[in-house]
């Protein structure tokens, strides 16, 4: 039986993170959701107001025998701009901030170590927060695996598709 661990990460629109992490060998499942806020059972409409404190996140379930958490975190730094405050590109607001939510001391240590290593490669300060996960709320069904279901939609074609092409190249994968 495969052991599965999870990390909850935020770094912009969860559609981008969802599609990006599905490329990573060893990832078992990715779930879009919300974390970090003060409102129970948040909805997209509530989170979008930036008044709940929630972040759009993905819960990444991975096989640590095939994909160590350090590699999940290294990929996280590649898929978003950790120096941008409260947003990614044109997606602005606290709901798009860069976060790592941990559930164990080992995850906290790995996150802090990986952030320090990434900071050493950058001239601008990293704004990514590292906090304990209090609760993960899965997003509505229509947000799950969004890019795969709607690659022709404007946001997917203009933002996600070019990002995936770069990531596939970096991972040595062929684009269709």
C-alpha atoms as a PDB file:
ATOM      1  CA  UNK A   1       0.000   0.000   0.000  1.00  0.00           C
ATOM      2  CA  UNK A   2       1.328   3.408  -0.996  1.00  0.00           C
ATOM      3  CA  UNK A   3       1.911   5.889   1.796  1.00  0.00           C
ATOM      4  CA  UNK A   4       0.565   9.333   0.875  1.00  0.00           C
ATOM      5  CA  UNK A   5       1.495  12.643   2.484  1.00  0.00           C
ATOM      6  CA  UNK A   6      -0.043  16.057   1.849  1.00  0.00           C
ATOM      7  CA  UNK A   7       1.155  19.639   1.624  1.00  0.00           C
ATOM      8  CA  UNK A   8      -1.145  22.656   1.316  1.00  0.00           C
ATOM      9  CA  UNK A   9       0.300  25.481  -0.770  1.00  0.00           C
ATOM     10  CA  UNK A  10      -0.920  28.811  -2.067  1.00  0.00           C
ATOM     11  CA  UNK A  11       0.715  30.893  -4.764  1.00  0.00           C
ATOM     12  CA  UNK A  12      -1.831  32.663  -6.932  1.00  0.00           C
ATOM     13  CA  UNK A  13      -4.851  31.215  -8.652  1.00  0.00           C
ATOM     14  CA  UNK A  14      -5.468  27.641  -7.576  1.00  0.00           C
ATOM     15  CA  UNK A  15      -6.233  26.660 -11.181  1.00  0.00           C
ATOM     16  CA  UNK A  16      -2.587  27.383 -12.068  1.00  0.00           C
ATOM     17  CA  UNK A  17      -1.211  25.460  -9.112  1.00  0.00           C
ATOM     18  CA  UNK A  18      -3.570  22.550  -9.747  1.00  0.00           C
ATOM     19  CA  UNK A  19      -2.478  22.163 -13.372  1.00  0.00           C
ATOM     20  CA  UNK A  20       1.200  22.722 -12.526  1.00  0.00           C
ATOM     21  CA  UNK A  21       1.463  20.156  -9.733  1.00  0.00           C
ATOM     22  CA  UNK A  22      -0.323  17.522 -11.814  1.00  0.00           C
ATOM     23  CA  UNK A  23       2.802  17.527 -14.019  1.00  0.00           C
ATOM     24  CA  UNK A  24       5.059  16.451 -11.166  1.00  0.00           C
ATOM     25  CA  UNK A  25       5.806  12.700 -11.081  1.00  0.00           C
ATOM     26  CA  UNK A  26       4.905  11.281  -7.670  1.00  0.00           C
ATOM     27  CA  UNK A  27       1.881  13.523  -7.155  1.00  0.00           C
ATOM     28  CA  UNK A  28      -1.115  11.286  -6.484  1.00  0.00           C
ATOM     29  CA  UNK A  29      -3.878  13.913  -6.397  1.00  0.00           C
ATOM     30  CA  UNK A  30      -4.353  17.694  -6.293  1.00  0.00           C
ATOM     31  CA  UNK A  31      -7.399  19.330  -4.697  1.00  0.00           C
ATOM     32  CA  UNK A  32      -8.218  23.028  -5.036  1.00  0.00           C
ATOM     33  CA  UNK A  33      -9.471  24.648  -1.862  1.00  0.00           C
ATOM     34  CA  UNK A  34      -9.282  27.386   0.736  1.00  0.00           C
ATOM     35  CA  UNK A  35      -7.256  27.750   3.942  1.00  0.00           C
ATOM     36  CA  UNK A  36      -6.072  30.325   6.403  1.00  0.00           C
ATOM     37  CA  UNK A  37      -9.299  32.226   6.938  1.00  0.00           C
ATOM     38  CA  UNK A  38     -11.710  32.792   9.775  1.00  0.00           C
ATOM     39  CA  UNK A  39     -14.987  31.830   8.072  1.00  0.00           C
ATOM     40  CA  UNK A  40     -16.308  28.263   8.211  1.00  0.00           C
ATOM     41  CA  UNK A  41     -17.354  26.632   4.936  1.00  0.00           C
ATOM     42  CA  UNK A  42     -16.005  29.389   2.689  1.00  0.00           C
ATOM     43  CA  UNK A  43     -17.310  29.712  -0.836  1.00  0.00           C
ATOM     44  CA  UNK A  44     -15.512  31.128  -3.849  1.00  0.00           C
ATOM     45  CA  UNK A  45     -17.832  34.137  -3.769  1.00  0.00           C
ATOM     46  CA  UNK A  46     -16.934  34.873  -0.128  1.00  0.00           C
ATOM     47  CA  UNK A  47     -13.196  34.275  -0.552  1.00  0.00           C
ATOM     48  CA  UNK A  48     -13.126  36.471  -3.670  1.00  0.00           C
ATOM     49  CA  UNK A  49     -14.095  39.507  -1.545  1.00  0.00           C
ATOM     50  CA  UNK A  50     -10.759  39.246   0.328  1.00  0.00           C
ATOM     51  CA  UNK A  51     -12.713  39.678   3.568  1.00  0.00           C
ATOM     52  CA  UNK A  52     -12.547  36.099   4.882  1.00  0.00           C
ATOM     53  CA  UNK A  53      -8.759  35.842   5.254  1.00  0.00           C
ATOM     54  CA  UNK A  54      -8.701  32.660   3.150  1.00  0.00           C
ATOM     55  CA  UNK A  55      -6.160  31.881   0.469  1.00  0.00           C
ATOM     56  CA  UNK A  56      -6.802  29.920  -2.713  1.00  0.00           C
ATOM     57  CA  UNK A  57      -4.654  26.836  -2.117  1.00  0.00           C
ATOM     58  CA  UNK A  58      -4.047  23.339  -3.398  1.00  0.00           C
ATOM     59  CA  UNK A  59      -3.720  20.239  -1.266  1.00  0.00           C
ATOM     60  CA  UNK A  60      -1.064  18.122  -2.904  1.00  0.00           C
ATOM     61  CA  UNK A  61      -1.206  14.426  -2.062  1.00  0.00           C
ATOM     62  CA  UNK A  62       2.081  12.787  -2.983  1.00  0.00           C
ATOM     63  CA  UNK A  63       3.986   9.540  -2.554  1.00  0.00           C
ATOM     64  CA  UNK A  64       7.070  10.423  -0.462  1.00  0.00           C
ATOM     65  CA  UNK A  65       8.840   7.265  -1.694  1.00  0.00           C
ATOM     66  CA  UNK A  66       8.748   8.708  -5.222  1.00  0.00           C
ATOM     67  CA  UNK A  67       8.656  12.424  -4.416  1.00  0.00           C
ATOM     68  CA  UNK A  68      10.267  13.741  -1.225  1.00  0.00           C
ATOM     69  CA  UNK A  69       8.603  16.806   0.324  1.00  0.00           C
ATOM     70  CA  UNK A  70      11.761  18.794  -0.429  1.00  0.00           C
ATOM     71  CA  UNK A  71      11.123  18.262  -4.159  1.00  0.00           C
ATOM     72  CA  UNK A  72       7.476  19.311  -3.798  1.00  0.00           C
ATOM     73  CA  UNK A  73       8.678  22.525  -2.152  1.00  0.00           C
ATOM     74  CA  UNK A  74      11.437  23.084  -4.740  1.00  0.00           C
ATOM     75  CA  UNK A  75       8.802  22.840  -7.477  1.00  0.00           C
ATOM     76  CA  UNK A  76       6.567  25.256  -5.540  1.00  0.00           C
ATOM     77  CA  UNK A  77       9.254  27.962  -5.817  1.00  0.00           C
ATOM     78  CA  UNK A  78       9.389  27.383  -9.595  1.00  0.00           C
ATOM     79  CA  UNK A  79       5.656  27.709 -10.235  1.00  0.00           C
ATOM     80  CA  UNK A  80       5.058  31.144  -8.728  1.00  0.00           C
ATOM     81  CA  UNK A  81       6.700  34.452  -7.802  1.00  0.00           C
ATOM     82  CA  UNK A  82       7.374  34.174  -4.089  1.00  0.00           C
ATOM     83  CA  UNK A  83       8.484  37.815  -3.917  1.00  0.00           C
ATOM     84  CA  UNK A  84       5.174  39.328  -5.024  1.00  0.00           C
ATOM     85  CA  UNK A  85       3.017  40.494  -2.127  1.00  0.00           C
ATOM     86  CA  UNK A  86      -0.662  39.553  -2.166  1.00  0.00           C
ATOM     87  CA  UNK A  87      -0.926  38.200  -5.639  1.00  0.00           C
ATOM     88  CA  UNK A  88       0.587  36.620  -8.708  1.00  0.00           C
ATOM     89  CA  UNK A  89       0.893  38.570 -11.928  1.00  0.00           C
ATOM     90  CA  UNK A  90      -2.469  40.176 -12.580  1.00  0.00           C
ATOM     91  CA  UNK A  91      -4.241  38.091  -9.929  1.00  0.00           C
ATOM     92  CA  UNK A  92      -4.177  40.521  -7.023  1.00  0.00           C
ATOM     93  CA  UNK A  93      -5.551  40.259  -3.502  1.00  0.00           C
ATOM     94  CA  UNK A  94      -4.769  38.534  -0.233  1.00  0.00           C
ATOM     95  CA  UNK A  95      -6.565  35.411  -1.481  1.00  0.00           C
ATOM     96  CA  UNK A  96      -3.671  34.931  -3.934  1.00  0.00           C
ATOM     97  CA  UNK A  97      -0.812  35.324  -1.428  1.00  0.00           C
ATOM     98  CA  UNK A  98       2.080  32.892  -1.247  1.00  0.00           C
ATOM     99  CA  UNK A  99       1.751  30.442   1.657  1.00  0.00           C
ATOM    100  CA  UNK A 100       2.926  27.075   2.885  1.00  0.00           C
ATOM    101  CA  UNK A 101       0.591  25.457   5.418  1.00  0.00           C
ATOM    102  CA  UNK A 102       2.233  22.645   7.393  1.00  0.00           C
ATOM    103  CA  UNK A 103       0.698  19.860   9.468  1.00  0.00           C
ATOM    104  CA  UNK A 104       3.833  18.403  11.063  1.00  0.00           C
ATOM    105  CA  UNK A 105       7.055  19.702  12.594  1.00  0.00           C
ATOM    106  CA  UNK A 106       8.971  17.955   9.812  1.00  0.00           C
ATOM    107  CA  UNK A 107       6.952  19.866   7.175  1.00  0.00           C
ATOM    108  CA  UNK A 108       7.577  23.140   9.011  1.00  0.00           C
ATOM    109  CA  UNK A 109      11.316  22.471   9.119  1.00  0.00           C
ATOM    110  CA  UNK A 110      11.399  21.452   5.441  1.00  0.00           C
ATOM    111  CA  UNK A 111       9.411  24.582   4.475  1.00  0.00           C
ATOM    112  CA  UNK A 112      11.688  26.923   6.435  1.00  0.00           C
ATOM    113  CA  UNK A 113      14.820  25.260   5.049  1.00  0.00           C
ATOM    114  CA  UNK A 114      13.525  25.418   1.474  1.00  0.00           C
ATOM    115  CA  UNK A 115      12.487  29.066   1.845  1.00  0.00           C
ATOM    116  CA  UNK A 116      15.960  29.961   3.136  1.00  0.00           C
ATOM    117  CA  UNK A 117      17.621  28.107   0.233  1.00  0.00           C
ATOM    118  CA  UNK A 118      15.360  29.847  -2.297  1.00  0.00           C
ATOM    119  CA  UNK A 119      15.972  33.257  -0.679  1.00  0.00           C
ATOM    120  CA  UNK A 120      19.711  32.746  -1.150  1.00  0.00           C
ATOM    121  CA  UNK A 121      19.118  32.694  -4.935  1.00  0.00           C
ATOM    122  CA  UNK A 122      17.030  35.898  -5.038  1.00  0.00           C
ATOM    123  CA  UNK A 123      17.741  39.595  -4.612  1.00  0.00           C
ATOM    124  CA  UNK A 124      14.175  40.519  -3.587  1.00  0.00           C
ATOM    125  CA  UNK A 125      12.764  39.291  -0.271  1.00  0.00           C
ATOM    126  CA  UNK A 126      10.443  36.281  -0.270  1.00  0.00           C
ATOM    127  CA  UNK A 127       6.986  37.136   1.049  1.00  0.00           C
ATOM    128  CA  UNK A 128       5.798  33.536   1.463  1.00  0.00           C
ATOM    129  CA  UNK A 129       4.310  32.870   4.872  1.00  0.00           C
ATOM    130  CA  UNK A 130       4.770  29.524   6.600  1.00  0.00           C
ATOM    131  CA  UNK A 131       1.935  28.729   9.015  1.00  0.00           C
ATOM    132  CA  UNK A 132       0.241  25.715  10.613  1.00  0.00           C
ATOM    133  CA  UNK A 133      -2.762  24.401   8.693  1.00  0.00           C
ATOM    134  CA  UNK A 134      -5.867  24.849  10.808  1.00  0.00           C
ATOM    135  CA  UNK A 135      -8.423  23.674   8.277  1.00  0.00           C
ATOM    136  CA  UNK A 136      -8.510  22.888   4.563  1.00  0.00           C
ATOM    137  CA  UNK A 137     -11.817  23.454   2.811  1.00  0.00           C
ATOM    138  CA  UNK A 138     -12.166  21.837  -0.643  1.00  0.00           C
ATOM    139  CA  UNK A 139     -13.312  24.299  -3.296  1.00  0.00           C
ATOM    140  CA  UNK A 140     -16.467  23.809  -5.290  1.00  0.00           C
ATOM    141  CA  UNK A 141     -16.442  20.931  -7.795  1.00  0.00           C
ATOM    142  CA  UNK A 142     -16.257  23.230 -10.827  1.00  0.00           C
ATOM    143  CA  UNK A 143     -12.812  24.472  -9.673  1.00  0.00           C
ATOM    144  CA  UNK A 144     -11.283  20.985  -9.558  1.00  0.00           C
ATOM    145  CA  UNK A 145      -9.016  20.109 -12.510  1.00  0.00           C
ATOM    146  CA  UNK A 146     -10.234  23.320 -14.167  1.00  0.00           C
ATOM    147  CA  UNK A 147      -7.542  23.678 -16.815  1.00  0.00           C
ATOM    148  CA  UNK A 148      -7.976  20.119 -18.116  1.00  0.00           C
ATOM    149  CA  UNK A 149     -11.708  20.722 -18.468  1.00  0.00           C
ATOM    150  CA  UNK A 150     -11.492  24.227 -19.988  1.00  0.00           C
ATOM    151  CA  UNK A 151      -8.161  24.721 -21.788  1.00  0.00           C
ATOM    152  CA  UNK A 152      -9.786  26.987 -24.371  1.00  0.00           C
ATOM    153  CA  UNK A 153     -11.090  29.554 -21.853  1.00  0.00           C
ATOM    154  CA  UNK A 154      -9.273  32.876 -22.029  1.00  0.00           C
ATOM    155  CA  UNK A 155      -7.510  32.687 -18.638  1.00  0.00           C
ATOM    156  CA  UNK A 156      -6.425  29.095 -19.247  1.00  0.00           C
ATOM    157  CA  UNK A 157      -5.095  29.822 -22.747  1.00  0.00           C
ATOM    158  CA  UNK A 158      -3.372  33.088 -21.830  1.00  0.00           C
ATOM    159  CA  UNK A 159      -1.980  32.302 -18.362  1.00  0.00           C
ATOM    160  CA  UNK A 160      -1.971  28.585 -17.544  1.00  0.00           C
ATOM    161  CA  UNK A 161      -1.054  27.047 -20.915  1.00  0.00           C
ATOM    162  CA  UNK A 162       2.202  29.070 -21.352  1.00  0.00           C
ATOM    163  CA  UNK A 163       3.172  28.364 -17.727  1.00  0.00           C
ATOM    164  CA  UNK A 164       2.639  24.629 -18.248  1.00  0.00           C
ATOM    165  CA  UNK A 165       4.733  24.666 -21.436  1.00  0.00           C
ATOM    166  CA  UNK A 166       7.665  26.196 -19.511  1.00  0.00           C
ATOM    167  CA  UNK A 167       7.268  23.750 -16.639  1.00  0.00           C
ATOM    168  CA  UNK A 168       7.074  20.748 -18.972  1.00  0.00           C
ATOM    169  CA  UNK A 169      10.272  21.913 -20.643  1.00  0.00           C
ATOM    170  CA  UNK A 170      11.984  22.310 -17.250  1.00  0.00           C
ATOM    171  CA  UNK A 171      10.813  18.812 -16.244  1.00  0.00           C
ATOM    172  CA  UNK A 172      11.961  17.317 -19.555  1.00  0.00           C
ATOM    173  CA  UNK A 173       8.404  16.522 -20.611  1.00  0.00           C
ATOM    174  CA  UNK A 174       7.102  17.016 -24.129  1.00  0.00           C
ATOM    175  CA  UNK A 175       4.291  19.439 -24.829  1.00  0.00           C
ATOM    176  CA  UNK A 176       1.492  18.237 -27.098  1.00  0.00           C
END
